[in-house]
Protein backbone atom coordinates (compact mmCIF):
# COMPACT_ATOMS: atom_id res chain seq x y z
CA MET A 1 -8.19 1.86 -15.14
CA SER A 2 -5.02 0.58 -13.59
CA THR A 3 -2.87 1.67 -10.99
CA ALA A 4 -0.52 -1.25 -11.07
CA ARG A 5 2.99 -0.06 -10.46
CA MET A 6 6.45 -1.60 -10.91
CA ARG A 7 8.02 -2.58 -7.68
CA LEU A 8 11.29 -3.63 -6.71
CA THR A 9 11.69 -7.28 -7.10
CA ALA A 10 13.48 -9.95 -5.67
CA ALA A 11 13.91 -13.88 -6.38
CA LEU A 12 12.13 -16.36 -3.85
CA ALA A 13 14.69 -17.06 -1.25
CA GLY A 14 13.67 -20.80 -0.83
CA THR A 15 12.35 -23.35 -3.12
CA ALA A 16 10.65 -25.71 -0.82
CA ILE A 17 7.32 -25.22 0.82
CA ALA A 18 5.59 -27.58 2.94
CA ALA A 19 2.29 -27.11 4.91
CA LEU A 20 2.11 -27.35 8.44
CA ALA A 21 -0.24 -29.98 9.63
CA LEU A 22 -1.18 -28.25 13.13
CA ALA A 23 -4.32 -26.56 14.21
CA GLY A 24 -4.77 -22.98 12.93
CA CYS A 25 -3.51 -24.08 9.45
CA ALA A 26 0.01 -21.90 9.12
CA SER A 27 3.23 -22.94 8.00
CA SER A 28 6.36 -24.00 9.48
CA ASP A 29 8.51 -24.34 6.18
CA PRO A 30 7.85 -20.97 4.35
CA LEU A 31 9.48 -19.69 1.05
CA SER A 32 12.01 -17.93 3.24
CA GLY A 33 13.00 -15.90 6.55
CA ASP A 34 13.73 -15.61 9.91
CA SER A 35 11.38 -17.13 12.69
CA THR A 36 10.61 -15.14 15.86
CA ASP A 37 8.68 -16.83 18.77
CA GLY A 38 6.11 -15.09 20.54
CA GLY A 39 4.37 -16.13 23.82
CA ASP A 40 1.83 -18.87 24.21
CA THR A 41 -1.90 -18.20 23.01
CA GLY A 42 -3.07 -21.56 23.43
CA ASP A 43 -2.45 -22.40 19.81
CA SER A 44 0.54 -24.10 18.72
CA SER A 45 0.64 -22.76 15.12
CA THR A 46 3.12 -20.13 13.55
CA ILE A 47 1.26 -17.16 11.58
CA VAL A 48 3.67 -16.76 8.82
CA ILE A 49 3.99 -13.21 7.37
CA GLY A 50 5.21 -12.36 4.09
CA SER A 51 6.08 -8.99 2.25
CA GLN A 52 6.83 -8.02 -1.46
CA ALA A 53 10.47 -6.86 -2.34
CA TYR A 54 9.78 -3.14 -1.61
CA TYR A 55 10.57 -1.43 1.64
CA SER A 56 7.61 -0.04 2.34
CA ASN A 57 5.42 -3.49 2.29
CA GLU A 58 8.36 -4.76 4.21
CA ILE A 59 8.13 -2.01 7.21
CA ILE A 60 4.23 -3.03 7.10
CA ALA A 61 4.54 -6.49 7.49
CA GLU A 62 7.18 -6.09 10.05
CA ILE A 63 4.83 -4.14 12.11
CA TYR A 64 2.19 -6.74 11.34
CA ALA A 65 4.57 -9.24 13.01
CA GLN A 66 5.81 -7.03 15.94
CA ALA A 67 2.26 -6.34 16.91
CA LEU A 68 1.21 -9.99 16.77
CA GLU A 69 4.35 -10.98 18.68
CA ALA A 70 3.49 -8.38 21.41
CA GLY A 71 -0.14 -10.21 21.41
CA GLY A 72 1.56 -13.25 22.18
CA PHE A 73 1.32 -14.98 18.86
CA THR A 74 4.23 -16.97 17.23
CA VAL A 75 5.19 -15.46 13.93
CA GLU A 76 7.36 -16.62 11.23
CA ARG A 77 8.67 -13.71 8.54
CA ASN A 78 8.94 -14.62 5.06
CA PHE A 79 9.70 -11.21 3.53
CA ASN A 80 10.88 -10.01 0.30
CA ILE A 81 9.21 -12.48 -1.87
CA GLY A 82 8.35 -10.64 -5.07
CA GLN A 83 5.56 -9.59 -6.89
CA ARG A 84 2.14 -11.16 -6.85
CA ASP A 85 2.63 -13.76 -9.35
CA ALA A 86 5.17 -15.46 -6.95
CA TYR A 87 3.48 -14.46 -3.71
CA MET A 88 -0.35 -15.48 -4.21
CA PRO A 89 -0.03 -18.91 -4.95
CA ALA A 90 1.30 -19.43 -1.45
CA LEU A 91 -1.17 -17.37 0.41
CA GLU A 92 -4.10 -19.17 -1.64
CA ASP A 93 -2.47 -22.41 -0.64
CA GLY A 94 -2.14 -21.72 2.89
CA GLU A 95 1.62 -21.38 2.95
CA ILE A 96 1.73 -17.70 3.84
CA ASP A 97 -1.29 -16.43 6.17
CA LEU A 98 -0.84 -12.91 6.25
CA PHE A 99 0.11 -10.20 3.70
CA PRO A 100 -0.15 -6.40 3.59
CA GLU A 101 -1.56 -5.59 0.23
CA TYR A 102 -3.28 -2.75 -1.48
CA THR A 103 -7.05 -3.00 -2.37
CA GLY A 104 -7.11 -1.44 -5.84
CA ASN A 105 -4.20 -3.39 -7.26
CA LEU A 106 -5.05 -6.47 -5.91
CA LEU A 107 -8.65 -6.02 -7.08
CA GLN A 108 -7.20 -5.65 -10.79
CA TYR A 109 -5.40 -8.48 -10.26
CA PHE A 110 -8.47 -10.74 -9.83
CA GLU A 111 -11.14 -8.42 -11.94
CA PRO A 112 -8.85 -6.64 -14.51
CA ASP A 113 -11.97 -4.97 -15.89
CA THR A 114 -13.19 -3.72 -12.43
CA THR A 115 -15.24 -0.44 -12.60
CA ALA A 116 -14.92 0.24 -8.85
CA THR A 117 -12.57 3.70 -7.90
CA THR A 118 -13.63 4.61 -4.47
CA SER A 119 -12.26 3.28 -1.62
CA ASP A 120 -15.41 1.82 -0.03
CA ASP A 121 -16.31 0.17 -3.65
CA VAL A 122 -13.03 -1.21 -4.17
CA TYR A 123 -12.91 -2.96 -0.87
CA ALA A 124 -16.29 -4.11 -1.07
CA ALA A 125 -15.24 -5.84 -4.79
CA LEU A 126 -12.22 -7.11 -3.29
CA GLN A 127 -13.81 -8.92 -0.74
CA GLU A 128 -16.06 -10.70 -3.22
CA ALA A 129 -13.18 -11.25 -5.88
CA LEU A 130 -10.65 -12.86 -3.47
CA PRO A 131 -10.51 -16.80 -3.78
CA ASP A 132 -11.77 -19.21 -1.19
CA GLY A 133 -9.75 -19.21 1.98
CA LEU A 134 -8.76 -15.82 1.82
CA THR A 135 -10.33 -12.95 3.26
CA VAL A 136 -9.26 -9.18 4.35
CA LEU A 137 -9.40 -7.31 7.64
CA ASP A 138 -10.07 -3.74 8.00
CA GLN A 139 -8.70 -1.51 5.38
CA SER A 140 -6.21 1.11 6.12
CA SER A 141 -6.69 4.73 5.26
CA ALA A 142 -3.20 4.92 4.29
CA THR A 143 -2.85 4.33 0.44
CA ASP A 144 -0.27 3.72 -2.11
CA GLN A 145 -1.66 4.58 -5.43
CA ASP A 146 -1.84 7.21 -7.91
CA SER A 147 -2.12 10.83 -6.68
CA TYR A 148 -2.08 14.46 -8.25
CA ASN A 149 0.40 16.69 -5.77
CA VAL A 150 1.03 20.33 -6.00
CA THR A 151 3.72 22.44 -4.04
CA ALA A 152 2.56 23.95 -0.46
CA ALA A 153 3.22 27.22 -1.95
CA PHE A 154 0.55 26.60 -4.94
CA ALA A 155 -1.81 25.11 -2.87
CA GLU A 156 -1.53 27.81 -0.17
CA GLU A 157 -1.85 30.60 -3.18
CA ASN A 158 -4.59 28.95 -4.71
CA GLY A 159 -6.39 27.64 -1.73
CA LEU A 160 -6.26 23.93 -3.02
CA THR A 161 -7.13 20.97 -0.99
CA SER A 162 -9.04 18.74 -3.83
CA ILE A 163 -8.33 18.05 -7.49
CA ALA A 164 -11.89 19.80 -7.79
CA ASP A 165 -10.46 23.12 -6.51
CA LEU A 166 -7.92 23.25 -9.65
CA ALA A 167 -10.92 24.11 -12.03
CA GLY A 168 -10.80 27.74 -13.33
CA ILE A 169 -7.02 28.01 -13.23
CA ASP A 170 -5.57 28.94 -15.93
CA GLY A 171 -2.20 27.64 -17.87
CA LEU A 172 -1.93 24.24 -15.46
CA VAL A 173 0.67 21.77 -16.87
CA LEU A 174 0.45 18.29 -15.89
CA GLY A 175 3.33 16.34 -15.52
CA GLY A 176 3.98 12.52 -15.25
CA ALA A 177 5.14 9.34 -16.99
CA PRO A 178 4.46 9.37 -20.67
CA GLU A 179 1.89 6.81 -20.65
CA LEU A 180 -0.16 9.07 -18.26
CA GLU A 181 -1.16 11.34 -20.97
CA GLU A 182 -3.24 8.56 -22.37
CA ARG A 183 -4.73 6.98 -19.16
CA PRO A 184 -8.48 7.56 -18.33
CA TYR A 185 -7.33 9.58 -15.12
CA GLY A 186 -4.73 11.86 -17.09
CA PRO A 187 -5.63 14.90 -18.89
CA SER A 188 -8.91 13.66 -20.51
CA GLY A 189 -10.38 12.10 -17.08
CA LEU A 190 -9.39 15.57 -15.31
CA GLU A 191 -11.37 17.71 -17.89
CA GLU A 192 -14.50 15.26 -17.76
CA VAL A 193 -14.50 14.15 -14.05
CA TYR A 194 -13.54 17.46 -12.76
CA GLY A 195 -13.65 20.05 -15.60
CA VAL A 196 -10.04 20.96 -14.99
CA THR A 197 -8.09 21.82 -18.12
CA VAL A 198 -4.18 21.04 -18.57
CA SER A 199 -1.53 20.42 -20.90
CA PHE A 200 0.60 17.47 -20.45
CA GLN A 201 4.20 17.20 -19.78
CA ALA A 202 6.16 14.01 -19.76
CA THR A 203 8.45 13.95 -16.92
CA ALA A 204 8.94 10.58 -15.90
CA ASP A 205 11.70 9.88 -13.25
CA THR A 206 12.14 14.01 -12.94
CA THR A 207 8.35 14.63 -12.40
CA VAL A 208 9.08 15.96 -8.58
CA ASP A 209 11.91 17.61 -9.45
CA GLU A 210 10.03 19.31 -12.34
CA LEU A 211 7.15 20.55 -10.05
CA VAL A 212 9.45 21.73 -7.38
CA ALA A 213 10.95 23.91 -9.96
CA GLY A 214 7.76 25.16 -10.81
CA ASN A 215 7.96 23.66 -14.53
CA ILE A 216 4.93 21.96 -14.09
CA GLN A 217 1.96 22.47 -11.74
CA ILE A 218 0.70 19.42 -10.98
CA ALA A 219 2.62 16.14 -10.57
CA ASN A 220 1.31 12.49 -10.75
CA VAL A 221 3.04 10.85 -7.86
CA TYR A 222 2.23 7.69 -5.80
CA SER A 223 0.73 8.53 -2.82
CA ALA A 224 3.12 6.97 -0.32
CA ASP A 225 6.18 8.51 -2.06
CA PRO A 226 8.64 9.90 0.62
CA ARG A 227 9.32 12.96 -1.54
CA ILE A 228 5.75 14.03 -0.73
CA LYS A 229 6.93 14.89 3.12
CA THR A 230 10.76 15.77 1.92
CA GLU A 231 9.47 18.13 -0.78
CA ASP A 232 6.93 19.54 1.09
CA LEU A 233 4.14 18.56 -1.17
CA VAL A 234 0.35 18.44 -1.12
CA THR A 235 -1.44 15.61 -2.23
CA LEU A 236 -5.05 16.69 -3.53
CA GLU A 237 -8.00 15.03 -2.46
CA ASP A 238 -10.03 13.06 -4.99
CA PRO A 239 -13.40 13.09 -3.81
CA LYS A 240 -14.92 11.72 -7.46
CA GLY A 241 -12.79 8.62 -7.57
CA LEU A 242 -10.67 9.59 -10.46
CA PHE A 243 -7.97 7.17 -9.45
CA LEU A 244 -8.96 3.70 -8.23
CA ALA A 245 -8.41 3.57 -4.59
CA SER A 246 -5.61 1.57 -3.18
CA ASN A 247 -5.65 1.47 0.45
CA VAL A 248 -3.12 -0.79 2.27
CA VAL A 249 -5.16 -4.02 3.51
CA PRO A 250 -4.31 -7.19 5.41
CA VAL A 251 -5.01 -10.18 3.02
CA VAL A 252 -5.29 -13.23 5.68
CA ASN A 253 -5.75 -17.04 5.77
CA ALA A 254 -9.43 -17.19 6.58
CA ASP A 255 -9.05 -19.68 9.00
CA ILE A 256 -7.15 -17.30 11.34
CA ALA A 257 -8.89 -14.22 10.64
CA ASP A 258 -10.78 -14.00 13.75
CA GLU A 259 -8.10 -15.09 15.67
CA ILE A 260 -5.93 -12.35 14.52
CA ALA A 261 -8.40 -9.56 13.80
CA ASP A 262 -8.25 -7.49 16.93
CA VAL A 263 -4.70 -6.96 16.77
CA ILE A 264 -4.05 -6.08 12.89
CA ASN A 265 -7.40 -4.16 12.82
CA ALA A 266 -5.76 -1.93 15.27
CA VAL A 267 -2.90 -1.19 13.16
CA SER A 268 -4.76 -0.51 10.38
CA ALA A 269 -6.87 2.20 11.92
CA ALA A 270 -3.85 3.70 13.26
CA LEU A 271 -1.71 3.88 10.09
CA THR A 272 -2.57 7.13 8.36
CA PRO A 273 -1.72 8.10 4.62
CA GLU A 274 0.56 10.71 6.21
CA GLY A 275 2.06 8.29 8.70
CA LEU A 276 2.73 5.90 5.94
CA VAL A 277 4.92 8.60 4.10
CA ALA A 278 6.79 9.48 7.41
CA LEU A 279 7.68 5.53 7.44
CA ASN A 280 9.13 5.73 4.29
CA VAL A 281 10.90 8.69 4.63
CA GLU A 282 12.66 6.92 7.95
CA SER A 283 13.67 4.02 5.50
CA THR A 284 14.79 6.11 2.45
CA GLU A 285 16.16 9.45 4.05
CA ASP A 286 17.42 8.07 7.87
CA GLU A 287 18.28 4.39 6.59
CA ARG A 288 16.53 2.96 9.62
CA SER A 289 15.87 -0.58 9.49
CA PRO A 290 12.41 -1.81 9.34
CA GLU A 291 12.51 -3.59 12.61
CA ASP A 292 13.46 -0.52 14.40
CA ILE A 293 10.97 1.57 12.27
CA ALA A 294 8.50 -0.74 12.74
CA ALA A 295 9.13 -0.95 17.05
CA ASP A 296 9.18 2.92 17.31
CA TRP A 297 5.79 3.20 15.30
CA LEU A 298 4.23 0.81 17.52
CA ALA A 299 5.34 2.33 20.61
CA ASP A 300 4.17 5.93 19.38
CA ASN A 301 0.76 4.35 18.83
CA GLY A 302 0.63 2.37 22.13
CA LEU A 303 0.46 -0.80 20.18
CA ASN A 304 3.63 -2.66 21.60
């Protein structure tokens, strides 16, 4: 089962990477990005934070950066690197120290045939699958994964909070990308796991529009999509693990994990699924910068 998704990509912003031979094992010549100095922590190392070339991931990375700076750490930013094939080697080599990731997608990167699906099982399997020198801090409840959504009106009319609540409702039409019809979490998975019978309509980029228009009743939408908020959609809970869970999780150089754990774990504890969607709305709808979004979020959560 795969929840890997296409994300916006960008070329590497630099070609030379040099290791920093100072205590704490961080890099002073990263892939690219601006350097911002924090206070004196008693350790002269710089923590290099990376991000994908994806607005939501960059916002989380900026939250990490500002939270660490508020804690007195020296931070260097390497954002908009691209996809895993670009940044994972730099993480494994210690050239990047901290990166916001997604548990399910990252587990499948290392173990394509994983059978883990629930949040806790995926997190545990990921800890075992990571290469030497890397570890994860606490995962967040926030996710960016496949999810099934209905309109708020349809949810209220039918008393829906979970996918299981769809069982017994006649005439349901599921919409999503064409390949969803054959995916194990598509129509066959809905029936096998939850006893929900649906017909399928390939809607692709118009999925949310078709849902709002009432042409389909269930939409396959990524869980951090800002349209969940702007179109007043309800994401149905998945208690039986139909989808491979993909929670936001900080991947970190094991040598500095204990040093930064308190700061970053506090961020993960405060970042909720609804909160991540709201952050994405601020980016896509309000067109605010990651720096301003992160600063306000940290202030609102008492973490600055």
